[in-house]
Amino acid sequence: MMLIIALSTAASEVMTAAQREKALRVLHTGLHSDAFWPAMHAAEALTIAGQGDEVRRTLLPRLDVETDDQRRCGLARELVRAGDHRRALVMFAILDSPDPHGHVHAAESLFKVGWRGRGTQLWTAFTQVENPTLKLMAAAALAKHGDDSDQEAALRYLRSHLATAPDPVMFRLSAWVLGRVGSAGDVALIRGRLGDATDPKHRAMLHHAMAALGDPFGREQLLANLTSADPWIRTAAATFAGETGVVEAAPQLISQLYDEHEDARIRAAQALFTLEKLTAQKSS
């Protein structure tokens, strides 16, 4: 009984019952969206909200008929997140495929949800040099889920890449990863690339990664980005606001449940459920 009271109290600090119902409606609608990747984001959020059974029921039939390897990675990833761990084999099979179409998505998906086993295919992807994006996403997966030696090598690469990559699209991606697997010491590295990031989207991603690593200025910028005129930035800010535990963002995230941009609505709902869970854990 005490735990139930704690969870209920924690939930009320983030959303009212009516707001929670609205967030769930956003996600249920999003799960059946014609836009594939927003639907996968809705699946992710529903799992966070405790609706993994619905995610598995909805996505498994889609995986059985999907032929595009990138989309198969998205479906398998969300099935794994929802508890069907066997579907990690789908991502490894795509990573092994002679067709490179799904390789980056497979590595990124394994970064996001992990795997069971040693992940030797990821080491192969990490050590190849033909596809820099694949190398970076394999490094992300190894840094998050690999053994100690793999993690060390992957983190060295990610930090070096962040510091030296000339292409903002690429060093932005390194920052995005390090915001999730790095440490507070990486804030200085990320801050050092702000001057090279003239595109607002690139700067936003650097700020969000800084916020995720505990930097106050990055947190301020993340909060400001929730009201950006750019829907991509609003969407990214909502995602990081949840993951970073920015509870003070909840009022703006609740407003974002009515955003004209579908993925911004979905990511706002995800962030609210993530904040709800984090707050409940702190209260229990």
Protein backbone atom coordinates (compact mmCIF):
# COMPACT_ATOMS: atom_id res chain seq x y z
CA MET A 1 0.00 0.00 0.00
CA MET A 2 2.79 2.43 0.83
CA LEU A 3 4.39 1.84 -2.60
CA ILE A 4 1.09 2.46 -4.39
CA ILE A 5 0.66 5.73 -2.51
CA ALA A 6 4.22 6.77 -3.37
CA LEU A 7 3.72 5.99 -7.04
CA SER A 8 0.41 7.84 -7.13
CA THR A 9 1.91 10.87 -5.43
CA ALA A 10 4.92 10.83 -7.73
CA ALA A 11 2.70 10.58 -10.79
CA SER A 12 0.64 13.57 -9.68
CA GLU A 13 3.82 15.68 -9.61
CA VAL A 14 4.23 15.19 -13.36
CA MET A 15 0.71 14.70 -14.81
CA THR A 16 -2.86 14.73 -13.64
CA ALA A 17 -5.00 11.69 -14.43
CA ALA A 18 -6.60 13.57 -17.32
CA GLN A 19 -3.22 14.57 -18.73
CA ARG A 20 -1.99 11.02 -18.42
CA GLU A 21 -5.03 9.83 -20.34
CA LYS A 22 -4.32 12.40 -23.05
CA ALA A 23 -0.69 11.26 -23.28
CA LEU A 24 -1.82 7.65 -23.67
CA ARG A 25 -4.25 8.65 -26.43
CA VAL A 26 -1.41 10.39 -28.27
CA LEU A 27 0.64 7.20 -28.07
CA HIS A 28 -2.15 4.78 -28.99
CA THR A 29 -2.89 6.90 -32.06
CA GLY A 30 0.81 7.19 -32.86
CA LEU A 31 1.36 3.44 -32.68
CA HIS A 32 -0.99 3.02 -35.65
CA SER A 33 0.34 6.01 -37.56
CA ASP A 34 1.07 5.77 -41.26
CA ALA A 35 4.42 7.44 -40.48
CA PHE A 36 6.69 4.52 -39.65
CA TRP A 37 9.32 6.03 -37.33
CA PRO A 38 6.89 8.09 -35.24
CA ALA A 39 4.97 4.82 -34.77
CA MET A 40 8.15 3.21 -33.46
CA HIS A 41 8.66 6.14 -31.10
CA ALA A 42 5.10 5.65 -29.87
CA ALA A 43 5.88 1.98 -29.27
CA GLU A 44 8.94 2.96 -27.24
CA ALA A 45 6.87 5.36 -25.15
CA LEU A 46 4.08 2.84 -24.58
CA THR A 47 6.61 0.36 -23.24
CA ILE A 48 7.86 3.03 -20.84
CA ALA A 49 4.21 3.64 -19.86
CA GLY A 50 3.78 -0.05 -19.01
CA GLN A 51 1.94 -1.02 -22.20
CA GLY A 52 4.48 -3.53 -23.52
CA ASP A 53 1.84 -6.20 -24.14
CA GLU A 54 0.06 -3.93 -26.60
CA VAL A 55 3.33 -3.11 -28.32
CA ARG A 56 4.16 -6.80 -28.79
CA ARG A 57 0.66 -7.62 -30.07
CA THR A 58 0.79 -4.78 -32.57
CA LEU A 59 4.34 -5.03 -33.87
CA LEU A 60 5.00 -8.77 -34.15
CA PRO A 61 2.57 -9.27 -37.07
CA ARG A 62 4.20 -6.28 -38.79
CA LEU A 63 7.66 -7.77 -38.38
CA ASP A 64 6.49 -11.00 -40.03
CA VAL A 65 5.55 -9.19 -43.25
CA GLU A 66 8.02 -6.28 -43.37
CA THR A 67 10.72 -6.63 -46.04
CA ASP A 68 12.69 -3.39 -45.62
CA ASP A 69 15.68 -4.08 -43.35
CA GLN A 70 15.74 -0.60 -41.83
CA ARG A 71 12.12 -0.93 -40.79
CA ARG A 72 12.68 -4.48 -39.61
CA CYS A 73 15.34 -3.09 -37.27
CA GLY A 74 12.85 -0.59 -35.88
CA LEU A 75 10.22 -3.27 -35.30
CA ALA A 76 12.69 -5.72 -33.75
CA ARG A 77 14.16 -2.99 -31.55
CA GLU A 78 10.80 -2.07 -30.08
CA LEU A 79 9.83 -5.71 -29.59
CA VAL A 80 13.06 -6.23 -27.64
CA ARG A 81 12.36 -3.11 -25.59
CA ALA A 82 8.88 -4.47 -24.90
CA GLY A 83 10.33 -7.72 -23.56
CA ASP A 84 10.64 -10.01 -26.60
CA HIS A 85 14.42 -10.37 -26.32
CA ARG A 86 14.65 -13.06 -29.01
CA ARG A 87 14.09 -10.39 -31.65
CA ALA A 88 17.62 -9.13 -31.10
CA LEU A 89 18.55 -11.96 -33.46
CA VAL A 90 16.76 -10.07 -36.24
CA MET A 91 19.07 -7.09 -35.77
CA PHE A 92 22.18 -9.27 -35.73
CA ALA A 93 21.02 -11.07 -38.89
CA ILE A 94 20.60 -7.71 -40.64
CA LEU A 95 24.03 -6.61 -39.40
CA ASP A 96 25.43 -9.81 -40.95
CA SER A 97 23.57 -9.35 -44.23
CA PRO A 98 25.62 -8.73 -47.40
CA ASP A 99 23.13 -5.95 -48.20
CA PRO A 100 24.32 -2.85 -46.32
CA HIS A 101 20.90 -1.18 -46.39
CA GLY A 102 20.08 -2.00 -42.76
CA HIS A 103 23.54 -2.12 -41.20
CA VAL A 104 23.54 1.32 -39.54
CA HIS A 105 19.99 0.86 -38.27
CA ALA A 106 20.92 -2.53 -36.81
CA ALA A 107 23.89 -1.11 -34.90
CA GLU A 108 21.90 1.90 -33.71
CA SER A 109 19.04 -0.32 -32.58
CA LEU A 110 21.41 -2.59 -30.65
CA PHE A 111 22.83 0.53 -29.03
CA LYS A 112 19.36 1.54 -27.93
CA VAL A 113 18.16 -1.79 -26.53
CA GLY A 114 21.20 -4.02 -26.06
CA TRP A 115 21.64 -7.72 -26.73
CA ARG A 116 22.59 -11.00 -25.13
CA GLY A 117 25.97 -12.47 -25.97
CA ARG A 118 29.32 -10.99 -26.96
CA GLY A 119 28.25 -8.92 -29.94
CA THR A 120 31.14 -9.98 -32.18
CA GLN A 121 29.32 -8.68 -35.27
CA LEU A 122 29.36 -5.25 -33.67
CA TRP A 123 33.11 -5.43 -33.19
CA THR A 124 33.44 -6.25 -36.89
CA ALA A 125 31.24 -3.25 -37.73
CA PHE A 126 33.30 -1.08 -35.40
CA THR A 127 36.64 -2.05 -36.92
CA GLN A 128 35.60 -1.62 -40.57
CA VAL A 129 36.49 1.66 -42.26
CA GLU A 130 34.19 1.80 -45.31
CA ASN A 131 31.14 3.23 -43.52
CA PRO A 132 31.92 5.90 -40.90
CA THR A 133 28.33 6.10 -39.63
CA LEU A 134 28.21 2.34 -39.12
CA LYS A 135 31.52 2.50 -37.26
CA LEU A 136 30.19 5.22 -34.99
CA MET A 137 26.91 3.44 -34.20
CA ALA A 138 28.74 0.17 -33.54
CA ALA A 139 31.00 2.11 -31.17
CA ALA A 140 27.88 3.44 -29.45
CA ALA A 141 26.51 -0.06 -28.96
CA LEU A 142 29.82 -1.39 -27.63
CA ALA A 143 30.29 1.60 -25.33
CA LYS A 144 26.88 1.00 -23.79
CA HIS A 145 26.64 -2.79 -23.71
CA GLY A 146 30.04 -4.33 -24.46
CA ASP A 147 32.56 -5.83 -22.07
CA ASP A 148 35.10 -3.60 -20.33
CA SER A 149 37.74 -3.70 -23.06
CA ASP A 150 35.17 -3.09 -25.82
CA GLN A 151 33.67 -0.19 -23.88
CA GLU A 152 37.07 1.41 -23.36
CA ALA A 153 38.01 1.18 -27.03
CA ALA A 154 34.61 2.44 -28.16
CA LEU A 155 34.63 5.42 -25.79
CA ARG A 156 38.14 6.40 -26.91
CA TYR A 157 36.94 6.40 -30.49
CA LEU A 158 33.77 8.37 -29.75
CA ARG A 159 35.71 11.06 -27.89
CA SER A 160 38.36 11.29 -30.58
CA HIS A 161 35.70 11.46 -33.27
CA LEU A 162 33.84 14.22 -31.43
CA ALA A 163 37.02 16.25 -31.10
CA THR A 164 38.27 15.88 -34.68
CA ALA A 165 35.42 15.09 -37.10
CA PRO A 166 35.10 17.95 -39.61
CA ASP A 167 31.48 17.23 -40.53
CA PRO A 168 28.97 18.71 -38.04
CA VAL A 169 26.48 15.96 -38.85
CA MET A 170 29.02 13.41 -37.65
CA PHE A 171 30.37 15.13 -34.56
CA ARG A 172 26.77 15.93 -33.59
CA LEU A 173 26.10 12.20 -33.70
CA SER A 174 29.12 11.53 -31.47
CA ALA A 175 27.77 14.08 -28.97
CA TRP A 176 24.33 12.45 -29.11
CA VAL A 177 25.91 9.13 -28.17
CA LEU A 178 28.20 10.51 -25.47
CA GLY A 179 25.25 12.28 -23.90
CA ARG A 180 23.97 8.78 -23.16
CA VAL A 181 27.14 6.80 -22.46
CA GLY A 182 29.74 9.42 -21.54
CA SER A 183 30.64 11.22 -18.34
CA ALA A 184 30.68 14.78 -17.01
CA GLY A 185 34.21 15.17 -18.33
CA ASP A 186 32.83 14.99 -21.88
CA VAL A 187 30.95 18.28 -21.47
CA ALA A 188 34.11 20.25 -22.22
CA LEU A 189 34.66 18.24 -25.42
CA ILE A 190 31.10 18.90 -26.55
CA ARG A 191 31.28 22.59 -25.63
CA GLY A 192 34.46 22.83 -27.67
CA ARG A 193 32.52 22.01 -30.86
CA LEU A 194 29.75 24.59 -30.40
CA GLY A 195 31.65 27.10 -32.48
CA ASP A 196 31.74 24.62 -35.38
CA ALA A 197 28.00 23.96 -35.21
CA THR A 198 26.33 26.80 -37.09
CA ASP A 199 23.15 24.88 -37.93
CA PRO A 200 20.57 25.32 -35.09
CA LYS A 201 19.82 21.59 -35.16
CA HIS A 202 23.48 20.73 -34.66
CA ARG A 203 23.79 23.21 -31.80
CA ALA A 204 20.62 21.88 -30.21
CA MET A 205 21.97 18.34 -30.19
CA LEU A 206 25.21 19.49 -28.58
CA HIS A 207 23.29 21.43 -25.93
CA HIS A 208 21.04 18.44 -25.23
CA ALA A 209 24.02 16.13 -24.81
CA MET A 210 25.59 18.64 -22.41
CA ALA A 211 22.34 18.73 -20.44
CA ALA A 212 22.27 14.94 -20.26
CA LEU A 213 25.76 15.02 -18.72
CA GLY A 214 24.71 17.49 -16.03
CA ASP A 215 25.75 20.83 -17.53
CA PRO A 216 23.53 23.71 -16.28
CA PHE A 217 23.91 25.77 -19.45
CA GLY A 218 22.96 22.78 -21.57
CA ARG A 219 19.89 22.28 -19.38
CA GLU A 220 18.85 25.92 -19.88
CA GLN A 221 19.19 25.55 -23.64
CA LEU A 222 17.23 22.29 -23.62
CA LEU A 223 14.33 24.00 -21.82
CA ALA A 224 14.45 26.88 -24.30
CA ASN A 225 14.42 24.44 -27.23
CA LEU A 226 11.07 23.02 -26.12
CA THR A 227 9.51 26.20 -27.52
CA SER A 228 11.60 26.30 -30.71
CA ALA A 229 9.82 27.16 -33.96
CA ASP A 230 11.55 24.13 -35.49
CA PRO A 231 9.54 20.93 -34.85
CA TRP A 232 12.68 18.79 -35.14
CA ILE A 233 14.30 20.73 -32.29
CA ARG A 234 11.13 20.58 -30.16
CA THR A 235 10.99 16.84 -30.70
CA ALA A 236 14.65 16.28 -29.82
CA ALA A 237 14.36 18.53 -26.77
CA ALA A 238 11.37 16.58 -25.49
CA THR A 239 13.24 13.30 -25.84
CA PHE A 240 16.23 14.55 -23.85
CA ALA A 241 14.03 16.32 -21.28
CA GLY A 242 12.61 12.95 -20.31
CA GLU A 243 15.88 11.04 -20.36
CA THR A 244 17.65 13.79 -18.43
CA GLY A 245 14.98 14.03 -15.76
CA VAL A 246 14.13 17.69 -16.36
CA VAL A 247 10.96 17.69 -14.25
CA GLU A 248 10.52 21.45 -14.64
CA ALA A 249 9.85 20.81 -18.33
CA ALA A 250 6.60 18.97 -17.53
CA PRO A 251 4.24 21.96 -18.09
CA GLN A 252 5.71 22.63 -21.54
CA LEU A 253 5.67 18.92 -22.37
CA ILE A 254 1.99 18.77 -21.44
CA SER A 255 1.35 21.67 -23.83
CA GLN A 256 3.35 19.79 -26.47
CA LEU A 257 0.83 16.93 -26.34
CA TYR A 258 -1.24 19.21 -28.60
CA ASP A 259 1.62 20.08 -30.96
CA GLU A 260 0.76 20.17 -34.68
CA HIS A 261 3.79 17.95 -35.36
CA GLU A 262 3.04 14.26 -34.71
CA ASP A 263 6.48 13.20 -33.55
CA ALA A 264 6.72 16.21 -31.22
CA ARG A 265 3.48 15.06 -29.57
CA ILE A 266 4.73 11.49 -29.28
CA ARG A 267 8.10 12.44 -27.82
CA ALA A 268 6.41 14.80 -25.35
CA ALA A 269 4.21 11.94 -24.13
CA GLN A 270 7.26 9.69 -23.89
CA ALA A 271 9.12 12.31 -21.87
CA LEU A 272 6.21 12.71 -19.47
CA PHE A 273 5.99 8.98 -18.81
CA THR A 274 9.75 8.83 -18.38
CA LEU A 275 9.64 11.70 -15.89
CA GLU A 276 6.75 10.02 -14.11
CA LYS A 277 8.76 6.84 -13.75
CA LEU A 278 11.90 8.64 -12.59
CA THR A 279 9.94 10.66 -10.04
CA ALA A 280 8.23 7.54 -8.73
CA GLN A 281 11.58 5.79 -8.33
CA LYS A 282 12.92 8.71 -6.30
CA SER A 283 9.83 8.71 -4.09
CA SER A 284 9.77 4.96 -3.37
